[in-house]
C-alpha atoms as a PDB file:
ATOM      1  CA  UNK A   1    -110.063  69.886 -20.889  1.00  0.00           C
ATOM      2  CA  UNK A   2    -109.137  66.554 -22.880  1.00  0.00           C
ATOM      3  CA  UNK A   3    -105.786  65.852 -24.208  1.00  0.00           C
ATOM      4  CA  UNK A   4    -105.056  66.764 -27.259  1.00  0.00           C
ATOM      5  CA  UNK A   5    -104.545  63.269 -29.938  1.00  0.00           C
ATOM      6  CA  UNK A   6    -101.229  63.781 -30.671  1.00  0.00           C
ATOM      7  CA  UNK A   7     -97.446  64.891 -29.581  1.00  0.00           C
ATOM      8  CA  UNK A   8     -94.362  66.821 -30.513  1.00  0.00           C
ATOM      9  CA  UNK A   9     -92.266  64.952 -32.771  1.00  0.00           C
ATOM     10  CA  UNK A  10     -89.873  62.405 -30.968  1.00  0.00           C
ATOM     11  CA  UNK A  11     -92.211  62.954 -27.335  1.00  0.00           C
ATOM     12  CA  UNK A  12     -94.814  60.295 -25.815  1.00  0.00           C
ATOM     13  CA  UNK A  13     -95.369  63.234 -23.458  1.00  0.00           C
ATOM     14  CA  UNK A  14     -94.830  66.814 -23.312  1.00  0.00           C
ATOM     15  CA  UNK A  15     -96.740  68.931 -21.041  1.00  0.00           C
ATOM     16  CA  UNK A  16     -96.399  73.014 -20.445  1.00  0.00           C
ATOM     17  CA  UNK A  17     -97.784  74.924 -17.451  1.00  0.00           C
ATOM     18  CA  UNK A  18     -99.916  72.437 -16.050  1.00  0.00           C
ATOM     19  CA  UNK A  19    -102.775  73.398 -13.287  1.00  0.00           C
ATOM     20  CA  UNK A  20    -104.485  70.800 -11.142  1.00  0.00           C
ATOM     21  CA  UNK A  21    -106.510  72.870  -8.269  1.00  0.00           C
ATOM     22  CA  UNK A  22    -108.357  71.151  -5.729  1.00  0.00           C
ATOM     23  CA  UNK A  23    -110.436  73.352  -3.498  1.00  0.00           C
ATOM     24  CA  UNK A  24    -108.049  76.871  -3.451  1.00  0.00           C
ATOM     25  CA  UNK A  25    -105.047  74.661  -3.110  1.00  0.00           C
ATOM     26  CA  UNK A  26    -103.179  74.159  -6.742  1.00  0.00           C
ATOM     27  CA  UNK A  27    -101.795  69.871  -6.132  1.00  0.00           C
ATOM     28  CA  UNK A  28     -99.957  70.883  -9.556  1.00  0.00           C
ATOM     29  CA  UNK A  29     -98.605  74.195 -10.322  1.00  0.00           C
ATOM     30  CA  UNK A  30     -97.201  75.392 -13.411  1.00  0.00           C
ATOM     31  CA  UNK A  31     -95.273  71.905 -13.996  1.00  0.00           C
ATOM     32  CA  UNK A  32     -93.823  71.241 -17.297  1.00  0.00           C
ATOM     33  CA  UNK A  33     -92.566  67.716 -18.827  1.00  0.00           C
ATOM     34  CA  UNK A  34     -91.301  65.927 -21.159  1.00  0.00           C
ATOM     35  CA  UNK A  35     -90.751  62.078 -21.700  1.00  0.00           C
ATOM     36  CA  UNK A  36     -88.927  61.004 -25.131  1.00  0.00           C
ATOM     37  CA  UNK A  37     -90.608  57.924 -27.422  1.00  0.00           C
ATOM     38  CA  UNK A  38     -88.424  54.775 -25.411  1.00  0.00           C
ATOM     39  CA  UNK A  39     -87.717  56.413 -22.350  1.00  0.00           C
ATOM     40  CA  UNK A  40     -88.053  54.944 -18.993  1.00  0.00           C
ATOM     41  CA  UNK A  41     -89.128  57.690 -16.067  1.00  0.00           C
ATOM     42  CA  UNK A  42     -89.950  57.482 -13.068  1.00  0.00           C
ATOM     43  CA  UNK A  43     -90.986  59.706 -10.196  1.00  0.00           C
ATOM     44  CA  UNK A  44     -90.882  60.037  -6.842  1.00  0.00           C
ATOM     45  CA  UNK A  45     -92.290  62.346  -4.243  1.00  0.00           C
ATOM     46  CA  UNK A  46     -93.938  62.666  -0.906  1.00  0.00           C
ATOM     47  CA  UNK A  47     -97.250  61.693  -0.572  1.00  0.00           C
ATOM     48  CA  UNK A  48    -100.568  64.193  -1.586  1.00  0.00           C
ATOM     49  CA  UNK A  49     -97.108  66.142  -3.286  1.00  0.00           C
ATOM     50  CA  UNK A  50     -99.536  65.368  -6.983  1.00  0.00           C
ATOM     51  CA  UNK A  51     -97.368  62.461  -8.410  1.00  0.00           C
ATOM     52  CA  UNK A  52    -101.033  60.081  -8.965  1.00  0.00           C
ATOM     53  CA  UNK A  53    -102.625  62.837  -9.787  1.00  0.00           C
ATOM     54  CA  UNK A  54     -99.917  63.874 -12.934  1.00  0.00           C
ATOM     55  CA  UNK A  55    -100.673  60.336 -14.366  1.00  0.00           C
ATOM     56  CA  UNK A  56    -104.503  60.607 -13.867  1.00  0.00           C
ATOM     57  CA  UNK A  57    -104.021  63.746 -15.900  1.00  0.00           C
ATOM     58  CA  UNK A  58    -101.999  61.741 -18.361  1.00  0.00           C
ATOM     59  CA  UNK A  59    -104.263  58.899 -18.146  1.00  0.00           C
ATOM     60  CA  UNK A  60    -106.698  61.000 -19.636  1.00  0.00           C
ATOM     61  CA  UNK A  61    -108.826  60.129 -16.361  1.00  0.00           C
ATOM     62  CA  UNK A  62    -109.113  63.807 -14.919  1.00  0.00           C
ATOM     63  CA  UNK A  63    -109.779  66.730 -17.253  1.00  0.00           C
ATOM     64  CA  UNK A  64    -110.097  69.429 -14.590  1.00  0.00           C
ATOM     65  CA  UNK A  65    -107.244  70.974 -15.464  1.00  0.00           C
ATOM     66  CA  UNK A  66    -105.024  73.970 -16.746  1.00  0.00           C
ATOM     67  CA  UNK A  67    -102.700  74.170 -19.246  1.00  0.00           C
ATOM     68  CA  UNK A  68    -101.438  72.611 -22.714  1.00  0.00           C
ATOM     69  CA  UNK A  69    -100.626  68.422 -22.480  1.00  0.00           C
ATOM     70  CA  UNK A  70     -99.989  66.383 -25.478  1.00  0.00           C
ATOM     71  CA  UNK A  71    -100.098  62.532 -24.529  1.00  0.00           C
ATOM     72  CA  UNK A  72     -99.979  59.862 -27.300  1.00  0.00           C
ATOM     73  CA  UNK A  73    -103.112  58.498 -28.046  1.00  0.00           C
ATOM     74  CA  UNK A  74    -102.067  54.365 -28.105  1.00  0.00           C
ATOM     75  CA  UNK A  75    -100.944  54.407 -23.719  1.00  0.00           C
ATOM     76  CA  UNK A  76    -101.896  52.015 -21.606  1.00  0.00           C
ATOM     77  CA  UNK A  77    -102.575  52.161 -17.281  1.00  0.00           C
ATOM     78  CA  UNK A  78    -102.219  49.963 -14.634  1.00  0.00           C
ATOM     79  CA  UNK A  79    -102.780  50.566 -10.803  1.00  0.00           C
ATOM     80  CA  UNK A  80    -101.404  49.539  -7.379  1.00  0.00           C
ATOM     81  CA  UNK A  81    -104.591  47.849  -7.184  1.00  0.00           C
ATOM     82  CA  UNK A  82    -104.888  45.738 -10.185  1.00  0.00           C
ATOM     83  CA  UNK A  83    -108.875  46.529 -10.940  1.00  0.00           C
ATOM     84  CA  UNK A  84    -110.050  43.293 -12.139  1.00  0.00           C
ATOM     85  CA  UNK A  85    -113.703  42.739 -12.875  1.00  0.00           C
ATOM     86  CA  UNK A  86    -114.808  39.285 -10.546  1.00  0.00           C
ATOM     87  CA  UNK A  87    -117.430  38.725 -12.393  1.00  0.00           C
ATOM     88  CA  UNK A  88    -114.974  38.200 -15.672  1.00  0.00           C
ATOM     89  CA  UNK A  89    -112.202  35.106 -16.380  1.00  0.00           C
ATOM     90  CA  UNK A  90    -109.041  37.033 -16.251  1.00  0.00           C
ATOM     91  CA  UNK A  91    -108.631  36.420 -19.912  1.00  0.00           C
ATOM     92  CA  UNK A  92    -112.025  38.682 -20.543  1.00  0.00           C
ATOM     93  CA  UNK A  93    -110.559  41.449 -18.087  1.00  0.00           C
ATOM     94  CA  UNK A  94    -107.512  41.604 -20.643  1.00  0.00           C
ATOM     95  CA  UNK A  95    -108.874  42.454 -23.452  1.00  0.00           C
ATOM     96  CA  UNK A  96    -112.087  43.923 -21.674  1.00  0.00           C
ATOM     97  CA  UNK A  97    -112.714  47.911 -23.235  1.00  0.00           C
ATOM     98  CA  UNK A  98    -111.239  47.101 -25.997  1.00  0.00           C
ATOM     99  CA  UNK A  99    -113.158  48.156 -29.348  1.00  0.00           C
ATOM    100  CA  UNK A 100    -115.305  44.810 -30.366  1.00  0.00           C
ATOM    101  CA  UNK A 101    -113.509  42.416 -32.108  1.00  0.00           C
ATOM    102  CA  UNK A 102    -111.124  41.867 -29.016  1.00  0.00           C
ATOM    103  CA  UNK A 103    -110.988  37.845 -28.678  1.00  0.00           C
ATOM    104  CA  UNK A 104    -109.120  35.120 -26.780  1.00  0.00           C
ATOM    105  CA  UNK A 105    -106.379  35.014 -28.819  1.00  0.00           C
ATOM    106  CA  UNK A 106    -105.469  39.030 -28.286  1.00  0.00           C
ATOM    107  CA  UNK A 107    -105.699  38.207 -24.279  1.00  0.00           C
ATOM    108  CA  UNK A 108    -103.675  35.294 -24.618  1.00  0.00           C
ATOM    109  CA  UNK A 109    -101.025  36.985 -25.993  1.00  0.00           C
ATOM    110  CA  UNK A 110    -100.948  39.434 -23.565  1.00  0.00           C
ATOM    111  CA  UNK A 111    -100.831  36.976 -21.190  1.00  0.00           C
ATOM    112  CA  UNK A 112     -98.148  34.923 -22.369  1.00  0.00           C
ATOM    113  CA  UNK A 113     -96.313  38.713 -22.167  1.00  0.00           C
ATOM    114  CA  UNK A 114     -96.375  38.267 -18.467  1.00  0.00           C
ATOM    115  CA  UNK A 115     -95.951  34.581 -18.439  1.00  0.00           C
ATOM    116  CA  UNK A 116     -99.520  34.432 -17.049  1.00  0.00           C
ATOM    117  CA  UNK A 117    -101.141  32.511 -20.141  1.00  0.00           C
ATOM    118  CA  UNK A 118    -102.466  29.057 -17.698  1.00  0.00           C
ATOM    119  CA  UNK A 119    -104.303  31.505 -16.050  1.00  0.00           C
ATOM    120  CA  UNK A 120    -106.515  33.014 -18.698  1.00  0.00           C
ATOM    121  CA  UNK A 121    -109.663  31.112 -17.291  1.00  0.00           C
ATOM    122  CA  UNK A 122    -109.323  31.421 -14.040  1.00  0.00           C
ATOM    123  CA  UNK A 123    -111.532  33.844 -11.809  1.00  0.00           C
ATOM    124  CA  UNK A 124    -109.326  37.025 -10.517  1.00  0.00           C
ATOM    125  CA  UNK A 125    -110.816  36.091  -6.870  1.00  0.00           C
ATOM    126  CA  UNK A 126    -108.246  32.442  -7.111  1.00  0.00           C
ATOM    127  CA  UNK A 127    -104.945  34.537  -8.665  1.00  0.00           C
ATOM    128  CA  UNK A 128    -102.136  35.525  -6.113  1.00  0.00           C
ATOM    129  CA  UNK A 129    -101.982  38.965  -5.307  1.00  0.00           C
ATOM    130  CA  UNK A 130     -98.599  39.143  -8.468  1.00  0.00           C
ATOM    131  CA  UNK A 131    -100.945  36.923 -10.710  1.00  0.00           C
ATOM    132  CA  UNK A 132    -103.470  39.566 -10.340  1.00  0.00           C
ATOM    133  CA  UNK A 133    -100.772  42.597 -10.683  1.00  0.00           C
ATOM    134  CA  UNK A 134     -99.418  40.937 -13.994  1.00  0.00           C
ATOM    135  CA  UNK A 135    -103.026  40.324 -15.161  1.00  0.00           C
ATOM    136  CA  UNK A 136    -103.674  43.659 -14.937  1.00  0.00           C
ATOM    137  CA  UNK A 137    -100.091  44.693 -16.717  1.00  0.00           C
ATOM    138  CA  UNK A 138    -101.441  42.428 -19.508  1.00  0.00           C
ATOM    139  CA  UNK A 139    -104.642  44.192 -19.735  1.00  0.00           C
ATOM    140  CA  UNK A 140    -101.991  47.266 -20.162  1.00  0.00           C
ATOM    141  CA  UNK A 141    -100.303  45.038 -23.391  1.00  0.00           C
ATOM    142  CA  UNK A 142    -102.847  44.277 -25.111  1.00  0.00           C
ATOM    143  CA  UNK A 143    -103.471  47.811 -26.584  1.00  0.00           C
ATOM    144  CA  UNK A 144    -100.218  47.646 -27.985  1.00  0.00           C
ATOM    145  CA  UNK A 145     -99.334  51.246 -25.894  1.00  0.00           C
ATOM    146  CA  UNK A 146     -96.628  53.429 -27.094  1.00  0.00           C
ATOM    147  CA  UNK A 147     -96.794  54.709 -23.189  1.00  0.00           C
ATOM    148  CA  UNK A 148     -97.205  53.026 -20.098  1.00  0.00           C
ATOM    149  CA  UNK A 149     -98.637  54.764 -17.119  1.00  0.00           C
ATOM    150  CA  UNK A 150     -97.793  53.004 -13.985  1.00  0.00           C
ATOM    151  CA  UNK A 151     -99.455  54.203 -10.712  1.00  0.00           C
ATOM    152  CA  UNK A 152     -96.905  52.188  -7.877  1.00  0.00           C
ATOM    153  CA  UNK A 153     -98.408  48.740  -9.617  1.00  0.00           C
ATOM    154  CA  UNK A 154     -96.073  47.249  -6.894  1.00  0.00           C
ATOM    155  CA  UNK A 155     -97.277  48.884  -3.801  1.00  0.00           C
ATOM    156  CA  UNK A 156     -98.987  45.718  -2.807  1.00  0.00           C
ATOM    157  CA  UNK A 157     -96.904  42.516  -3.281  1.00  0.00           C
ATOM    158  CA  UNK A 158     -93.976  41.202  -0.800  1.00  0.00           C
ATOM    159  CA  UNK A 159     -90.862  41.586  -1.411  1.00  0.00           C
ATOM    160  CA  UNK A 160     -90.139  38.774  -3.521  1.00  0.00           C
ATOM    161  CA  UNK A 161     -92.965  39.601  -5.929  1.00  0.00           C
ATOM    162  CA  UNK A 162     -92.097  43.157  -5.835  1.00  0.00           C
ATOM    163  CA  UNK A 163     -88.818  41.548  -7.309  1.00  0.00           C
ATOM    164  CA  UNK A 164     -90.022  39.799  -9.756  1.00  0.00           C
ATOM    165  CA  UNK A 165     -92.544  42.221 -11.145  1.00  0.00           C
ATOM    166  CA  UNK A 166     -89.506  44.626 -11.298  1.00  0.00           C
ATOM    167  CA  UNK A 167     -87.314  42.480 -13.628  1.00  0.00           C
ATOM    168  CA  UNK A 168     -90.966  41.616 -15.240  1.00  0.00           C
ATOM    169  CA  UNK A 169     -91.300  45.329 -16.418  1.00  0.00           C
ATOM    170  CA  UNK A 170     -87.520  45.777 -16.808  1.00  0.00           C
ATOM    171  CA  UNK A 171     -87.953  43.045 -19.713  1.00  0.00           C
ATOM    172  CA  UNK A 172     -91.299  44.313 -21.314  1.00  0.00           C
ATOM    173  CA  UNK A 173     -89.534  47.793 -21.953  1.00  0.00           C
ATOM    174  CA  UNK A 174     -85.904  45.812 -23.302  1.00  0.00           C
ATOM    175  CA  UNK A 175     -88.585  44.094 -25.473  1.00  0.00           C
ATOM    176  CA  UNK A 176     -90.896  46.481 -26.362  1.00  0.00           C
ATOM    177  CA  UNK A 177     -89.201  50.307 -25.954  1.00  0.00           C
ATOM    178  CA  UNK A 178     -92.443  51.915 -25.197  1.00  0.00           C
ATOM    179  CA  UNK A 179     -91.762  54.981 -23.404  1.00  0.00           C
ATOM    180  CA  UNK A 180     -93.113  54.243 -19.213  1.00  0.00           C
ATOM    181  CA  UNK A 181     -93.678  56.471 -16.401  1.00  0.00           C
ATOM    182  CA  UNK A 182     -94.006  55.140 -13.194  1.00  0.00           C
ATOM    183  CA  UNK A 183     -94.889  56.582  -9.957  1.00  0.00           C
ATOM    184  CA  UNK A 184     -93.742  54.546  -6.516  1.00  0.00           C
ATOM    185  CA  UNK A 185     -92.155  55.848  -3.240  1.00  0.00           C
ATOM    186  CA  UNK A 186     -89.212  53.136  -3.590  1.00  0.00           C
ATOM    187  CA  UNK A 187     -85.580  54.766  -4.548  1.00  0.00           C
ATOM    188  CA  UNK A 188     -84.138  51.549  -5.518  1.00  0.00           C
ATOM    189  CA  UNK A 189     -86.816  50.431  -7.694  1.00  0.00           C
ATOM    190  CA  UNK A 190     -86.706  54.171  -9.460  1.00  0.00           C
ATOM    191  CA  UNK A 191     -82.624  53.484  -9.825  1.00  0.00           C
ATOM    192  CA  UNK A 192     -82.605  50.027 -11.004  1.00  0.00           C
ATOM    193  CA  UNK A 193     -85.329  50.823 -13.596  1.00  0.00           C
ATOM    194  CA  UNK A 194     -85.605  54.150 -15.313  1.00  0.00           C
ATOM    195  CA  UNK A 195     -83.258  56.790 -17.578  1.00  0.00           C
ATOM    196  CA  UNK A 196     -84.684  59.289 -15.744  1.00  0.00           C
ATOM    197  CA  UNK A 197     -85.818  60.031 -12.002  1.00  0.00           C
ATOM    198  CA  UNK A 198     -87.840  62.872 -11.373  1.00  0.00           C
ATOM    199  CA  UNK A 199     -88.625  64.353  -7.878  1.00  0.00           C
ATOM    200  CA  UNK A 200     -92.133  66.551  -7.313  1.00  0.00           C
ATOM    201  CA  UNK A 201     -92.322  68.390  -4.748  1.00  0.00           C
ATOM    202  CA  UNK A 202     -95.183  71.421  -3.958  1.00  0.00           C
ATOM    203  CA  UNK A 203     -96.871  70.717  -7.158  1.00  0.00           C
ATOM    204  CA  UNK A 204     -93.797  70.750  -9.801  1.00  0.00           C
ATOM    205  CA  UNK A 205     -90.928  68.599 -10.632  1.00  0.00           C
ATOM    206  CA  UNK A 206     -88.114  70.003  -8.788  1.00  0.00           C
ATOM    207  CA  UNK A 207     -85.499  67.975  -8.404  1.00  0.00           C
ATOM    208  CA  UNK A 208     -84.068  65.280 -11.635  1.00  0.00           C
ATOM    209  CA  UNK A 209     -81.386  62.278 -12.282  1.00  0.00           C
ATOM    210  CA  UNK A 210     -80.354  60.941 -15.408  1.00  0.00           C
ATOM    211  CA  UNK A 211     -79.576  57.694 -14.309  1.00  0.00           C
ATOM    212  CA  UNK A 212     -76.222  56.508 -17.066  1.00  0.00           C
ATOM    213  CA  UNK A 213     -75.486  53.864 -15.477  1.00  0.00           C
ATOM    214  CA  UNK A 214     -75.821  49.917 -18.306  1.00  0.00           C
ATOM    215  CA  UNK A 215     -78.506  47.708 -16.779  1.00  0.00           C
ATOM    216  CA  UNK A 216     -78.539  45.161 -15.134  1.00  0.00           C
ATOM    217  CA  UNK A 217     -78.260  47.506 -12.105  1.00  0.00           C
ATOM    218  CA  UNK A 218     -77.487  46.497  -8.368  1.00  0.00           C
ATOM    219  CA  UNK A 219     -79.095  48.123  -5.300  1.00  0.00           C
ATOM    220  CA  UNK A 220     -74.996  47.688  -3.780  1.00  0.00           C
ATOM    221  CA  UNK A 221     -73.320  49.119  -6.699  1.00  0.00           C
ATOM    222  CA  UNK A 222     -71.546  52.329  -5.381  1.00  0.00           C
ATOM    223  CA  UNK A 223     -72.777  54.387  -8.564  1.00  0.00           C
ATOM    224  CA  UNK A 224     -76.524  53.957  -7.710  1.00  0.00           C
ATOM    225  CA  UNK A 225     -75.505  54.146  -4.128  1.00  0.00           C
ATOM    226  CA  UNK A 226     -74.697  57.735  -5.325  1.00  0.00           C
ATOM    227  CA  UNK A 227     -77.330  58.201  -6.615  1.00  0.00           C
ATOM    228  CA  UNK A 228     -79.949  56.769  -4.013  1.00  0.00           C
ATOM    229  CA  UNK A 229     -78.058  59.393  -1.151  1.00  0.00           C
ATOM    230  CA  UNK A 230     -78.949  62.567  -3.488  1.00  0.00           C
ATOM    231  CA  UNK A 231     -82.253  61.378  -4.486  1.00  0.00           C
ATOM    232  CA  UNK A 232     -82.433  61.017  -0.452  1.00  0.00           C
ATOM    233  CA  UNK A 233     -81.690  63.787   0.228  1.00  0.00           C
ATOM    234  CA  UNK A 234     -83.906  65.694  -2.015  1.00  0.00           C
ATOM    235  CA  UNK A 235     -87.084  63.776  -0.935  1.00  0.00           C
ATOM    236  CA  UNK A 236     -85.469  64.177   2.893  1.00  0.00           C
ATOM    237  CA  UNK A 237     -85.024  60.910   4.255  1.00  0.00           C
ATOM    238  CA  UNK A 238     -81.875  59.645   6.366  1.00  0.00           C
ATOM    239  CA  UNK A 239     -80.649  56.696   5.174  1.00  0.00           C
ATOM    240  CA  UNK A 240     -79.271  54.165   7.383  1.00  0.00           C
ATOM    241  CA  UNK A 241     -75.584  53.738   7.287  1.00  0.00           C
ATOM    242  CA  UNK A 242     -75.925  49.958   7.097  1.00  0.00           C
ATOM    243  CA  UNK A 243     -77.979  48.213   4.296  1.00  0.00           C
ATOM    244  CA  UNK A 244     -78.296  44.726   4.825  1.00  0.00           C
ATOM    245  CA  UNK A 245     -76.869  41.347   2.352  1.00  0.00           C
ATOM    246  CA  UNK A 246     -80.154  41.246   1.396  1.00  0.00           C
ATOM    247  CA  UNK A 247     -80.678  44.609  -0.069  1.00  0.00           C
ATOM    248  CA  UNK A 248     -77.862  45.266  -1.290  1.00  0.00           C
ATOM    249  CA  UNK A 249     -77.380  41.979  -3.655  1.00  0.00           C
ATOM    250  CA  UNK A 250     -80.665  43.337  -4.880  1.00  0.00           C
ATOM    251  CA  UNK A 251     -80.568  43.328  -9.010  1.00  0.00           C
ATOM    252  CA  UNK A 252     -83.337  43.469 -11.872  1.00  0.00           C
ATOM    253  CA  UNK A 253     -82.531  42.592 -15.157  1.00  0.00           C
ATOM    254  CA  UNK A 254     -83.302  43.837 -18.931  1.00  0.00           C
END
């Protein structure tokens, strides 16, 4: 089943009764989801709960489904692995897959958005992990998406680079206000970035938290901590009693 070309008014994603089976197991089981235009949504859940499967369906990469799925046709995707073609220079990777006529100027504009213009002529093997992930993000942005789908894009980065990448995504969302669905295992990341955090369990969206807090947010803020405790409880995680000073001071800019 392919994705219809348009979504209901005011929505970038509308899903009703979605089912995805692997063998006899329903990895996604009659799931419903709406994402409003311009909304930043984070999706949490244990490994194997169906988060990445849902994102692949929304990205039009998995069609073996039941139910109704409406997704904006203008969408960009970035995965945990940058998936750059090693035989193409960075700028050429950014415009790979675009209709004929995509040029260096388009690539440069997207690379400038992620602070990587100076690496346009580099080969992927010469990029750091953070640079490769930014190139992957530029490849998603060059499509001028109404919907940005991010599947744990910071998961393989070191802690400092991860914070910088989170801040970049926050800045880009503030600038463009496209809808975003971020799949992550990081509760703090979800709370610092998203308008709404969903918890997936047993193939459905079992819980929701609306993060009605001003940006920028700090992981040490009492209101953020209150929401963190609630999410960790739903995820079956016991939070350490004391956080380090560095953890308490983490922030993500707009």
